Amino acid sequence: MGTLSRLPSRPAHAGQLPTFRRLGLLAVAPVLLASMMTVRAAEPARAKPTAFANRNGALVVTNGLAGTITAYPTGSSGNAAPSRELSLGPDVPNSIAFDPSGNLWVANFGAHTVAEYRGDDLAGGARGPAVTITSDRSYSLNSPAGLAIDAAGDIWVANDLSNTVVEYARGSLTSGPVVPLVTISSDHSSSLSGPYALAFDSSGDLWVANYDNSTLVKYPRDRLVSGNRAPAVTISADSSGSLNSPAGLAFDAAGDLWVAANLSNKVLEYTHRQLVSGRPRPEVTISANARGSLNSPEGLAFDRAGNLWVANYGNNSVAEFPPSELSASGRWPPVVIAGPGTGLLSPGAVAIDPTLSMPAKGDPRRSHGDCGGCRLST
């Protein structure tokens, strides 16, 4: 599955089977899911996860084609079994975020929904989402790929197929079809073109990664209103072409923007001074090493220690880059979670559960799998 870079897109009409937009495979998602589940059932036995019980993991990962969300202590590496696992079936979870109350919100790319799993439910083993937002008559949820939560607790969603970004006000987060408070559409310059990831900076400005035209755009806080809005900033690829189909965004503590370039197998850093319109050369470029440290990277997340976590959709792994490997360009060997016992299958997003403690390096509570650290070497 190393060549798969995108997930099923929205059917043309309600009730039709999803299609694989990037792959050109029509109406095969249920077959693929069933076959992958069969393969996974034949894997070597591993400890059964406790379905989000005990809340003893902090790294949370979506597994799009497996239809699951898995969690691991942030020190995990190698063939580490998840400490928690939640099955969503064929919904194709693609993006996740925690709200200020510790509730988990999920953008379901295949089901065209946004769902909430509450903290107390996750701790006891969730039986189903507490809230499921569905599309209104305007197809307000149309292959939702990216999700972010602003300081007020409102939910923002990037719709990959309809080229829109929508906001759901905190007070309207109930199950059923919900009319968005804000719908931002593309302007004449294709400012939204396959929007796939969202992130807010420290000023409350919204950044969008456009997969289709390989741009990053910023909508200032005071321009987050409905309409065909022109972004205040548009960043395009420099002459190296490294910004190729961005699929993940994350800000570090210094306010620098990190980007997962899906098709170039790179992770890029733009300093806060570079976040102006143009074609800036990334300050740092982390490239894939010979062992596939980056393979169709998508989701990004920083933990409290400043480690950068990357979901590698192409080789079913999650890589951790410590701060020491983020200060200069290179083909660094990250610590990697990978193996048949991890439950990782086309991981698309990562998030850090803010309610969980994170063992430090060398702490005996850090979990290691069969390969004893599994640091990929060049």
Protein backbone atom coordinates (compact mmCIF):
# COMPACT_ATOMS: atom_id res chain seq x y z
CA MET A 1 0.00 0.00 0.00
CA GLY A 2 3.05 2.26 -0.18
CA THR A 3 1.80 4.07 -3.27
CA LEU A 4 -1.53 5.14 -1.81
CA SER A 5 -1.50 8.84 -1.06
CA ARG A 6 -5.14 9.77 -0.78
CA LEU A 7 -8.34 8.31 0.61
CA PRO A 8 -11.84 7.90 -0.86
CA SER A 9 -13.49 11.11 -1.98
CA ARG A 10 -17.14 12.05 -1.76
CA PRO A 11 -19.65 10.22 -3.97
CA ALA A 12 -21.37 12.37 -6.57
CA HIS A 13 -24.77 11.62 -5.07
CA ALA A 14 -25.90 10.48 -1.67
CA GLY A 15 -26.03 6.72 -1.36
CA GLN A 16 -23.38 5.92 -3.96
CA LEU A 17 -20.22 4.09 -2.98
CA PRO A 18 -17.14 6.25 -2.35
CA THR A 19 -14.52 6.53 -5.05
CA PHE A 20 -10.74 6.71 -4.85
CA ARG A 21 -10.07 10.16 -6.27
CA ARG A 22 -6.27 9.99 -6.44
CA LEU A 23 -6.09 6.33 -7.40
CA GLY A 24 -8.77 6.23 -10.07
CA LEU A 25 -10.36 3.15 -8.50
CA LEU A 26 -14.13 3.32 -8.49
CA ALA A 27 -16.39 1.93 -5.80
CA VAL A 28 -13.80 -0.35 -4.23
CA ALA A 29 -13.44 1.08 -0.74
CA PRO A 30 -15.59 -1.58 0.99
CA VAL A 31 -13.72 -4.37 -0.82
CA LEU A 32 -10.33 -2.92 0.11
CA LEU A 33 -11.37 -2.47 3.72
CA ALA A 34 -12.66 -6.03 3.94
CA SER A 35 -9.49 -7.47 2.40
CA MET A 36 -7.26 -5.45 4.72
CA MET A 37 -9.24 -6.54 7.75
CA THR A 38 -8.74 -10.14 6.62
CA VAL A 39 -4.98 -9.63 6.32
CA ARG A 40 -4.81 -8.06 9.75
CA ALA A 41 -6.73 -10.97 11.28
CA ALA A 42 -3.99 -13.33 10.10
CA GLU A 43 -1.18 -11.35 11.73
CA PRO A 44 0.73 -12.71 14.75
CA ALA A 45 -1.19 -12.50 18.00
CA ARG A 46 -0.56 -9.48 20.19
CA ALA A 47 -1.94 -8.16 23.43
CA LYS A 48 -5.55 -7.12 23.02
CA PRO A 49 -5.94 -3.33 23.36
CA THR A 50 -8.28 -2.03 26.00
CA ALA A 51 -10.30 0.30 23.78
CA PHE A 52 -9.18 3.63 25.23
CA ALA A 53 -9.34 2.24 28.79
CA ASN A 54 -6.97 3.47 31.54
CA ARG A 55 -5.94 6.50 29.41
CA ASN A 56 -2.30 5.47 29.56
CA GLY A 57 -1.29 6.65 26.09
CA ALA A 58 -0.76 10.13 24.70
CA LEU A 59 -0.12 9.76 20.96
CA VAL A 60 -3.37 9.27 19.02
CA VAL A 61 -3.36 8.14 15.37
CA THR A 62 -6.06 7.71 12.71
CA ASN A 63 -5.82 4.63 10.51
CA GLY A 64 -7.87 5.54 7.46
CA LEU A 65 -8.20 2.28 5.60
CA ALA A 66 -8.46 0.23 8.81
CA GLY A 67 -11.25 2.46 10.11
CA THR A 68 -9.62 2.73 13.54
CA ILE A 69 -8.06 5.22 15.92
CA THR A 70 -5.17 3.89 18.00
CA ALA A 71 -3.20 5.41 20.88
CA TYR A 72 0.30 4.84 22.27
CA PRO A 73 2.45 6.25 25.07
CA THR A 74 4.57 8.99 23.49
CA GLY A 75 7.70 6.97 24.24
CA SER A 76 6.57 4.04 22.13
CA SER A 77 8.73 2.60 19.38
CA GLY A 78 9.12 -0.52 17.33
CA ASN A 79 6.34 -3.08 17.10
CA ALA A 80 4.44 -1.55 20.03
CA ALA A 81 0.83 -2.59 20.54
CA PRO A 82 -1.60 0.29 21.02
CA SER A 83 -2.71 0.99 24.56
CA ARG A 84 -6.14 2.01 23.25
CA GLU A 85 -8.08 1.28 20.08
CA LEU A 86 -11.38 2.57 18.76
CA SER A 87 -13.10 1.02 15.74
CA LEU A 88 -15.07 3.33 13.46
CA GLY A 89 -15.78 0.82 10.68
CA PRO A 90 -15.85 2.19 7.12
CA ASP A 91 -15.98 5.87 8.16
CA VAL A 92 -12.34 6.44 7.05
CA PRO A 93 -11.17 8.73 9.87
CA ASN A 94 -8.71 11.24 8.42
CA SER A 95 -8.12 14.08 10.88
CA ILE A 96 -8.42 14.51 14.64
CA ALA A 97 -8.18 17.24 17.26
CA PHE A 98 -8.81 17.55 20.98
CA ASP A 99 -11.02 20.37 22.24
CA PRO A 100 -10.24 22.32 25.45
CA SER A 101 -12.29 19.81 27.47
CA GLY A 102 -10.24 16.85 26.26
CA ASN A 103 -12.91 15.53 23.90
CA LEU A 104 -11.73 14.00 20.64
CA TRP A 105 -13.17 15.28 17.35
CA VAL A 106 -12.79 13.23 14.18
CA ALA A 107 -13.24 14.22 10.52
CA ASN A 108 -14.52 11.10 8.74
CA PHE A 109 -13.41 11.40 5.12
CA GLY A 110 -15.42 8.42 3.90
CA ALA A 111 -18.63 9.00 5.86
CA HIS A 112 -18.64 12.80 5.30
CA THR A 113 -19.24 13.42 9.00
CA VAL A 114 -17.56 15.02 11.99
CA ALA A 115 -17.87 13.06 15.24
CA GLU A 116 -17.11 13.76 18.91
CA TYR A 117 -15.88 11.18 21.41
CA ARG A 118 -16.00 12.58 24.95
CA GLY A 119 -13.18 12.19 27.40
CA ASP A 120 -15.16 10.18 29.93
CA ASP A 121 -16.43 7.86 27.19
CA LEU A 122 -12.91 7.28 25.90
CA ALA A 123 -11.63 6.47 29.36
CA GLY A 124 -14.25 3.78 29.79
CA GLY A 125 -14.21 2.45 26.24
CA ALA A 126 -16.41 4.42 23.87
CA ARG A 127 -19.45 2.62 22.44
CA GLY A 128 -20.03 5.29 19.82
CA PRO A 129 -19.71 9.01 19.22
CA ALA A 130 -21.52 11.41 21.54
CA VAL A 131 -22.16 13.75 18.59
CA THR A 132 -22.19 13.10 14.83
CA ILE A 133 -22.50 16.16 12.59
CA THR A 134 -23.73 15.38 9.10
CA SER A 135 -23.88 17.51 5.97
CA ASP A 136 -26.68 19.95 5.37
CA ARG A 137 -28.38 20.36 1.97
CA SER A 138 -25.47 22.41 0.66
CA TYR A 139 -23.04 19.47 1.15
CA SER A 140 -21.25 21.40 3.88
CA LEU A 141 -19.29 18.24 4.68
CA ASN A 142 -17.81 16.93 1.46
CA SER A 143 -14.87 14.56 2.01
CA PRO A 144 -13.76 16.36 5.19
CA ALA A 145 -9.98 15.98 5.32
CA GLY A 146 -8.67 18.54 7.81
CA LEU A 147 -9.93 19.60 11.22
CA ALA A 148 -8.85 22.26 13.72
CA ILE A 149 -10.38 23.84 16.82
CA ASP A 150 -10.04 27.55 17.54
CA ALA A 151 -9.61 29.24 20.92
CA ALA A 152 -13.38 29.59 21.34
CA GLY A 153 -13.92 25.86 20.87
CA ASP A 154 -15.46 26.18 17.39
CA ILE A 155 -14.78 23.34 14.94
CA TRP A 156 -13.20 24.17 11.57
CA VAL A 157 -13.24 21.61 8.76
CA ALA A 158 -11.48 21.52 5.37
CA ASN A 159 -13.57 19.85 2.65
CA ASP A 160 -11.22 18.29 0.13
CA LEU A 161 -13.69 17.75 -2.70
CA SER A 162 -15.79 20.94 -2.52
CA ASN A 163 -12.82 23.27 -1.88
CA THR A 164 -14.39 24.88 1.15
CA VAL A 165 -13.55 25.48 4.80
CA VAL A 166 -16.48 25.56 7.22
CA GLU A 167 -16.91 26.58 10.85
CA TYR A 168 -19.31 24.99 13.33
CA ALA A 169 -20.00 27.18 16.35
CA ARG A 170 -19.45 25.55 19.71
CA GLY A 171 -23.10 26.06 20.65
CA SER A 172 -24.35 24.23 17.53
CA LEU A 173 -22.39 21.02 17.97
CA THR A 174 -25.28 18.57 17.98
CA SER A 175 -25.98 15.42 16.01
CA GLY A 176 -27.62 15.66 12.61
CA PRO A 177 -27.34 18.08 9.69
CA VAL A 178 -25.90 21.35 10.97
CA VAL A 179 -25.66 24.56 8.96
CA PRO A 180 -22.12 25.97 9.28
CA LEU A 181 -21.68 29.38 10.89
CA VAL A 182 -19.08 30.24 8.23
CA THR A 183 -18.34 28.80 4.79
CA ILE A 184 -15.19 30.04 3.08
CA SER A 185 -15.01 29.22 -0.64
CA SER A 186 -12.20 29.54 -3.13
CA ASP A 187 -11.64 32.86 -4.87
CA HIS A 188 -10.72 33.37 -8.53
CA SER A 189 -7.09 32.45 -7.84
CA SER A 190 -7.97 28.94 -6.58
CA SER A 191 -7.06 29.90 -3.06
CA LEU A 192 -8.67 26.66 -1.88
CA SER A 193 -7.67 23.72 -4.04
CA GLY A 194 -8.01 20.34 -2.37
CA PRO A 195 -7.74 21.81 1.17
CA TYR A 196 -6.39 18.97 3.26
CA ALA A 197 -5.01 20.29 6.56
CA LEU A 198 -5.72 23.19 8.91
CA ALA A 199 -3.82 24.88 11.74
CA PHE A 200 -4.27 28.04 13.80
CA ASP A 201 -1.27 30.18 14.67
CA SER A 202 -0.84 31.95 18.00
CA SER A 203 -2.66 35.04 16.65
CA GLY A 204 -5.77 33.04 15.76
CA ASP A 205 -5.12 33.22 12.02
CA LEU A 206 -6.13 30.11 10.06
CA TRP A 207 -3.65 28.33 7.79
CA VAL A 208 -4.74 25.89 5.08
CA ALA A 209 -2.63 23.35 3.19
CA ASN A 210 -3.87 22.94 -0.39
CA TYR A 211 -3.00 19.47 -1.65
CA ASP A 212 -3.97 20.01 -5.27
CA ASN A 213 -2.03 23.19 -6.10
CA SER A 214 0.72 22.79 -3.48
CA THR A 215 0.17 26.06 -1.66
CA LEU A 216 -0.23 27.26 1.91
CA VAL A 217 -2.69 30.09 2.53
CA LYS A 218 -3.52 32.22 5.56
CA TYR A 219 -6.88 33.72 6.46
CA PRO A 220 -6.49 36.35 9.17
CA ARG A 221 -8.71 36.13 12.19
CA ASP A 222 -10.78 39.14 11.10
CA ARG A 223 -11.42 37.66 7.63
CA LEU A 224 -12.91 34.37 8.78
CA VAL A 225 -16.33 35.12 7.33
CA SER A 226 -18.40 33.45 4.60
CA GLY A 227 -17.74 34.10 0.94
CA ASN A 228 -15.16 33.71 -1.80
CA ARG A 229 -12.39 35.08 0.35
CA ALA A 230 -8.90 35.96 -0.86
CA PRO A 231 -6.23 34.86 1.61
CA ALA A 232 -3.86 37.41 3.08
CA VAL A 233 -0.84 35.15 2.45
CA THR A 234 -0.11 32.56 -0.23
CA ILE A 235 3.08 30.51 -0.04
CA SER A 236 4.08 28.45 -3.08
CA ALA A 237 6.93 26.04 -3.71
CA ASP A 238 10.41 27.41 -4.30
CA SER A 239 12.62 26.24 -7.16
CA SER A 240 13.36 22.94 -5.39
CA GLY A 241 9.69 21.95 -5.58
CA SER A 242 9.83 20.49 -2.09
CA LEU A 243 6.40 21.88 -1.20
CA ASN A 244 4.62 19.15 -3.14
CA SER A 245 1.02 18.33 -2.14
CA PRO A 246 1.11 19.47 1.51
CA ALA A 247 -1.02 17.20 3.68
CA GLY A 248 -0.15 18.15 7.27
CA LEU A 249 0.50 21.33 9.29
CA ALA A 250 1.77 22.06 12.79
CA PHE A 251 3.19 25.09 14.58
CA ASP A 252 6.07 24.71 17.01
CA ALA A 253 6.55 26.67 20.23
CA ALA A 254 8.51 29.38 18.37
CA GLY A 255 5.65 29.99 15.93
CA ASP A 256 7.39 28.33 12.99
CA LEU A 257 5.19 26.35 10.61
CA TRP A 258 6.01 22.73 9.80
CA VAL A 259 4.54 21.09 6.71
CA ALA A 260 4.28 17.46 5.58
CA ALA A 261 4.93 17.42 1.83
CA ASN A 262 3.12 14.23 0.85
CA LEU A 263 4.43 13.61 -2.67
CA SER A 264 8.03 14.72 -2.10
CA ASN A 265 8.41 12.67 1.12
CA LYS A 266 9.69 15.65 3.08
CA VAL A 267 8.86 17.64 6.18
CA LEU A 268 9.53 21.38 5.84
CA GLU A 269 9.96 24.24 8.30
CA TYR A 270 9.05 27.83 7.50
CA THR A 271 10.11 30.26 10.20
CA HIS A 272 7.60 32.83 11.38
CA ARG A 273 9.53 35.48 9.42
CA GLN A 274 9.03 33.48 6.21
CA LEU A 275 5.25 33.32 6.55
CA VAL A 276 4.59 35.97 3.91
CA SER A 277 3.46 35.63 0.31
CA GLY A 278 6.05 34.29 -2.08
CA ARG A 279 8.19 31.25 -2.74
CA PRO A 280 10.45 31.04 0.32
CA ARG A 281 13.06 28.34 0.60
CA PRO A 282 12.25 26.26 3.70
CA GLU A 283 14.55 26.94 6.64
CA VAL A 284 14.77 23.19 7.33
CA THR A 285 14.05 20.28 5.00
CA ILE A 286 13.90 16.79 6.48
CA SER A 287 14.09 14.21 3.71
CA ALA A 288 13.41 10.50 3.65
CA ASN A 289 16.40 8.30 4.40
CA ALA A 290 17.19 4.97 2.77
CA ARG A 291 14.96 3.11 5.23
CA GLY A 292 11.86 5.13 4.38
CA SER A 293 11.77 7.40 7.42
CA LEU A 294 9.27 9.56 5.51
CA ASN A 295 6.85 7.82 3.17
CA SER A 296 3.83 9.83 1.99
CA PRO A 297 3.82 11.84 5.24
CA GLU A 298 0.50 13.39 6.26
CA GLY A 299 -0.34 14.32 9.85
CA LEU A 300 2.04 16.26 12.12
CA ALA A 301 1.95 17.00 15.85
CA PHE A 302 4.35 18.34 18.48
CA ASP A 303 4.36 16.95 22.01
CA ARG A 304 5.22 19.00 25.09
CA ALA A 305 8.88 18.03 24.86
CA GLY A 306 9.13 19.50 21.36
CA ASN A 307 9.31 16.16 19.56
CA LEU A 308 7.69 16.16 16.13
CA TRP A 309 5.47 13.17 15.30
CA VAL A 310 4.75 12.30 11.66
CA ALA A 311 2.15 9.88 10.28
CA ASN A 312 3.58 8.01 7.29
CA TYR A 313 0.59 6.98 5.22
CA GLY A 314 2.72 5.12 2.68
CA ASN A 315 4.49 2.58 4.92
CA ASN A 316 2.16 2.23 7.92
CA SER A 317 4.44 3.90 10.43
CA VAL A 318 4.67 6.89 12.76
CA ALA A 319 8.04 8.64 13.10
CA GLU A 320 9.30 10.77 15.98
CA PHE A 321 11.92 13.47 15.36
CA PRO A 322 13.44 14.93 18.57
CA PRO A 323 14.34 18.65 18.74
CA SER A 324 17.99 17.83 18.01
CA GLU A 325 16.96 16.59 14.55
CA LEU A 326 14.79 19.62 13.77
CA SER A 327 17.49 22.28 13.78
CA ALA A 328 19.07 21.50 10.41
CA SER A 329 18.21 19.87 7.11
CA GLY A 330 19.11 16.23 6.60
CA ARG A 331 18.00 12.64 6.30
CA TRP A 332 17.68 12.02 10.01
CA PRO A 333 16.92 8.59 11.52
CA PRO A 334 13.80 9.04 13.65
CA VAL A 335 12.40 6.72 16.27
CA VAL A 336 9.63 4.79 14.54
CA ILE A 337 6.50 2.93 15.56
CA ALA A 338 6.02 0.22 12.93
CA GLY A 339 5.27 -3.46 12.67
CA PRO A 340 2.41 -5.96 12.40
CA GLY A 341 1.44 -5.58 16.04
CA THR A 342 0.99 -1.80 16.01
CA GLY A 343 -2.42 -1.68 14.35
CA LEU A 344 -1.17 1.04 12.00
CA LEU A 345 -2.74 0.91 8.54
CA SER A 346 -2.52 3.99 6.32
CA PRO A 347 -2.09 6.40 9.24
CA GLY A 348 -3.29 9.84 8.24
CA ALA A 349 -3.26 12.06 11.32
CA VAL A 350 -1.59 12.29 14.71
CA ALA A 351 -2.56 14.26 17.80
CA ILE A 352 -1.35 14.50 21.38
CA ASP A 353 -3.97 13.88 24.05
CA PRO A 354 -3.58 16.93 26.33
CA THR A 355 -4.96 15.11 29.38
CA LEU A 356 -2.26 12.45 29.46
CA SER A 357 1.22 12.55 30.95
CA MET A 358 4.21 12.05 28.68
CA PRO A 359 7.17 10.05 30.05
CA ALA A 360 10.52 11.63 29.36
CA LYS A 361 13.37 10.03 27.46
CA GLY A 362 14.86 7.22 29.55
CA ASP A 363 11.77 6.90 31.74
CA PRO A 364 11.08 3.17 32.33
CA ARG A 365 7.40 3.77 31.55
CA ARG A 366 8.30 4.37 27.90
CA SER A 367 7.03 1.44 25.81
CA HIS A 368 9.26 -0.39 23.33
CA GLY A 369 8.32 -3.03 20.85
CA ASP A 370 10.14 -6.07 19.55
CA CYS A 371 12.93 -4.16 17.79
CA GLY A 372 14.08 -2.38 20.95
CA GLY A 373 13.85 1.20 19.74
CA CYS A 374 13.68 0.66 16.00
CA ARG A 375 15.62 3.82 15.12
CA LEU A 376 15.82 3.88 11.34
CA SER A 377 19.34 4.32 10.07
CA THR A 378 20.48 5.80 6.81
